[in-house]
Every structure is written in C-alpha cells, then in structure tokens.
Protein backbone atom coordinates (compact mmCIF):
# COMPACT_ATOMS: atom_id res chain seq x y z
CA MET A 1 0.00 0.00 0.00
CA PRO A 2 1.41 3.45 -0.92
CA PRO A 3 2.10 6.05 1.76
CA GLN A 4 -0.73 8.34 2.82
CA GLY A 5 -1.42 11.18 0.31
CA TYR A 6 -0.27 9.18 -2.70
CA ALA A 7 -2.59 7.33 -5.06
CA SER A 8 -1.84 3.89 -6.33
CA PRO A 9 -0.56 3.86 -9.89
CA GLY A 10 -3.35 3.22 -12.35
CA TYR A 11 -6.12 3.83 -9.81
CA GLY A 12 -8.00 6.83 -8.60
CA ALA A 13 -9.09 9.92 -10.49
CA PRO A 14 -7.96 10.37 -14.08
CA PRO A 15 -5.18 12.90 -14.64
CA PRO A 16 -6.40 16.46 -15.18
CA GLN A 17 -6.84 17.50 -18.79
CA VAL A 18 -4.95 20.53 -19.95
CA PHE A 19 -6.78 22.97 -22.21
CA VAL A 20 -4.72 25.42 -24.24
CA GLN A 21 -6.57 28.39 -25.64
CA GLN A 22 -5.47 29.26 -29.16
CA PHE A 23 -4.70 32.86 -30.14
CA GLY A 24 -3.84 34.55 -33.43
CA TYR A 25 -2.67 32.13 -36.11
CA GLY A 26 -3.49 28.97 -34.16
CA MET A 27 -0.42 29.25 -31.93
CA PRO A 28 -0.65 29.12 -28.12
CA PRO A 29 0.06 32.36 -26.30
CA GLN A 30 3.74 33.02 -25.66
CA GLN A 31 5.28 34.33 -22.49
CA PRO A 32 6.78 37.82 -22.79
CA GLY A 33 10.32 37.64 -24.09
CA THR A 34 10.01 34.19 -25.64
CA VAL A 35 10.34 33.30 -29.30
CA PRO A 36 7.57 31.24 -30.96
CA PRO A 37 8.62 27.88 -32.44
CA GLN A 38 10.00 28.11 -35.95
CA GLY A 39 9.78 24.50 -37.15
CA ASN A 40 6.07 23.94 -37.57
CA ALA A 41 4.88 27.55 -37.42
CA GLN A 42 2.61 28.32 -40.34
CA ILE A 43 1.86 31.89 -41.37
CA LEU A 44 -1.54 32.33 -42.92
CA TYR A 45 -1.40 34.89 -45.73
CA ASP A 46 -3.88 35.59 -48.47
CA GLN A 47 -2.06 35.54 -51.81
CA LYS A 48 -2.98 38.14 -54.39
CA SER A 49 -4.30 37.03 -57.75
CA ARG A 50 -1.96 37.68 -60.68
CA THR A 51 -4.92 37.77 -63.10
CA THR A 52 -6.63 40.48 -61.03
CA TYR A 53 -3.37 42.42 -60.92
CA GLN A 54 -2.96 42.20 -64.70
CA VAL A 55 -6.55 43.33 -65.41
CA LEU A 56 -6.22 46.26 -62.99
CA SER A 57 -2.83 47.15 -64.43
CA PHE A 58 -4.09 47.05 -68.01
CA PHE A 59 -7.10 49.29 -67.41
CA LEU A 60 -6.10 51.43 -64.39
CA GLY A 61 -2.33 51.01 -64.15
CA TRP A 62 -1.68 54.65 -65.04
CA LEU A 63 -3.50 55.59 -61.80
CA GLY A 64 -1.56 53.06 -59.70
CA VAL A 65 -4.63 51.01 -58.78
CA ALA A 66 -2.94 47.67 -59.53
CA ASP A 67 0.08 48.56 -57.44
CA PHE A 68 -2.12 49.58 -54.51
CA TYR A 69 -3.83 46.17 -54.87
CA ALA A 70 -0.50 44.34 -54.83
CA GLY A 71 0.92 46.36 -51.95
CA HIS A 72 3.56 48.25 -53.95
CA ILE A 73 2.66 51.54 -52.27
CA VAL A 74 5.64 53.65 -53.43
CA THR A 75 5.16 52.63 -57.06
CA ALA A 76 1.42 53.28 -56.81
CA LEU A 77 1.99 56.74 -55.38
CA SER A 78 4.48 57.44 -58.19
CA HIS A 79 1.90 56.52 -60.84
CA LEU A 80 -0.75 58.62 -59.11
CA SER A 81 1.59 61.61 -58.73
CA LEU A 82 2.57 61.48 -62.40
CA PHE A 83 -1.09 61.35 -63.39
CA VAL A 84 -1.95 64.39 -61.24
CA LEU A 85 1.05 66.32 -62.61
CA ALA A 86 0.10 65.47 -66.18
CA PHE A 87 -3.50 66.48 -65.54
CA PHE A 88 -2.51 69.94 -64.30
CA LEU A 89 -0.02 70.38 -67.14
CA CYS A 90 -2.66 69.44 -69.72
CA CYS A 91 -5.02 72.04 -68.21
CA ALA A 92 -2.42 74.78 -68.67
CA GLU A 93 -2.74 77.33 -71.44
CA SER A 94 0.75 77.03 -72.90
CA GLU A 95 1.43 74.51 -75.64
CA GLU A 96 4.72 73.43 -74.06
CA ALA A 97 3.01 72.48 -70.80
CA VAL A 98 0.28 70.57 -72.63
CA GLY A 99 2.93 68.74 -74.67
CA LEU A 100 4.87 67.85 -71.53
CA GLY A 101 1.67 66.65 -69.86
CA GLY A 102 0.88 64.45 -72.86
CA PHE A 103 4.39 63.00 -72.78
CA ILE A 104 4.02 62.19 -69.06
CA VAL A 105 0.68 60.47 -69.71
CA ILE A 106 2.20 58.32 -72.46
CA ALA A 107 5.31 57.47 -70.40
CA ASN A 108 3.17 56.58 -67.38
CA GLY A 109 0.98 54.34 -69.56
CA VAL A 110 4.00 52.55 -71.02
CA TRP A 111 5.40 52.05 -67.52
CA ALA A 112 2.08 50.56 -66.37
CA GLY A 113 1.96 48.33 -69.47
CA VAL A 114 5.42 46.95 -68.78
CA GLU A 115 4.52 46.32 -65.13
CA THR A 116 1.48 44.32 -66.28
CA PHE A 117 3.76 41.50 -67.42
CA LEU A 118 6.85 41.91 -65.22
CA VAL A 119 5.46 42.07 -61.67
CA LYS A 120 5.12 38.57 -60.20
CA THR A 121 5.18 39.20 -56.43
CA ASP A 122 3.17 41.37 -54.09
CA GLY A 123 4.52 44.06 -51.81
CA LYS A 124 5.64 41.48 -49.21
CA GLY A 125 7.54 39.39 -51.75
CA VAL A 126 4.96 36.59 -51.83
CA PRO A 127 4.44 35.18 -55.34
CA MET A 128 1.02 35.90 -56.80
CA LYS A 129 -1.15 32.90 -57.54
C-alpha cells in the first residue's frame, strides 16, 4: 500500500486534462520575451491574384490602382503623382506644358503596361497565384 497522500498507480481519479486556448494564427500564447517555435509555425497569408493584378494594371495602371492592390505603395503613389502632374499640365494654357503633360501620360501608360507582365510578387515578396 502506498504512503498516505499518494494514489496507487493506475487507480483513482484520471489525470487532469490541460486545455490550451489558441490565439492569433493557431499558436498558443507566448510568455513575454520568448520566441515562438519556428519549425512547424505556419503563417496564414492571403495571396494576391496575378490575373486580377494584370486586369487592374491594363485598365487602371496609369493611376496606380494595380500597385495599390498588390501592396507596392511607393510605385502606386508614383503613378498617381505622375497622373496628377500630367492632368494639371494638360489644363495649362501654354502649348509646351500641354505637350509635356501628354508626354508624361504616355510614359506613365508605357510604364504601367510593362509592369502588367513583369510584376510577379506582391509588396511582401509573396508570389502571386
């Protein structure tokens, strides 16, 4: 017979069950200052569609819409800034300004057309599906 306070092995109440509440991406909560496990950690990320990117780039690439969709924020702002500059130049009364605005529109459109076929990853470097 085991000493008082100890249960016999295999008898008595079943061992307590441990419940771990899941947070975030299905990983248990971590103590402050600890690093989550790297081996089986899976990051859930929604991939962008390359077909959607190409359609947006073909029709609205000169506005930067496709680059905003893909997460290329600096490139998108560049397209948008060039469009706004060209718009104000085309509204000017001098022929030189209108010509420069037209050139910027064409160059921005060519740039967007080239991006339609060259960009294969989103802003985080994840390949588009």
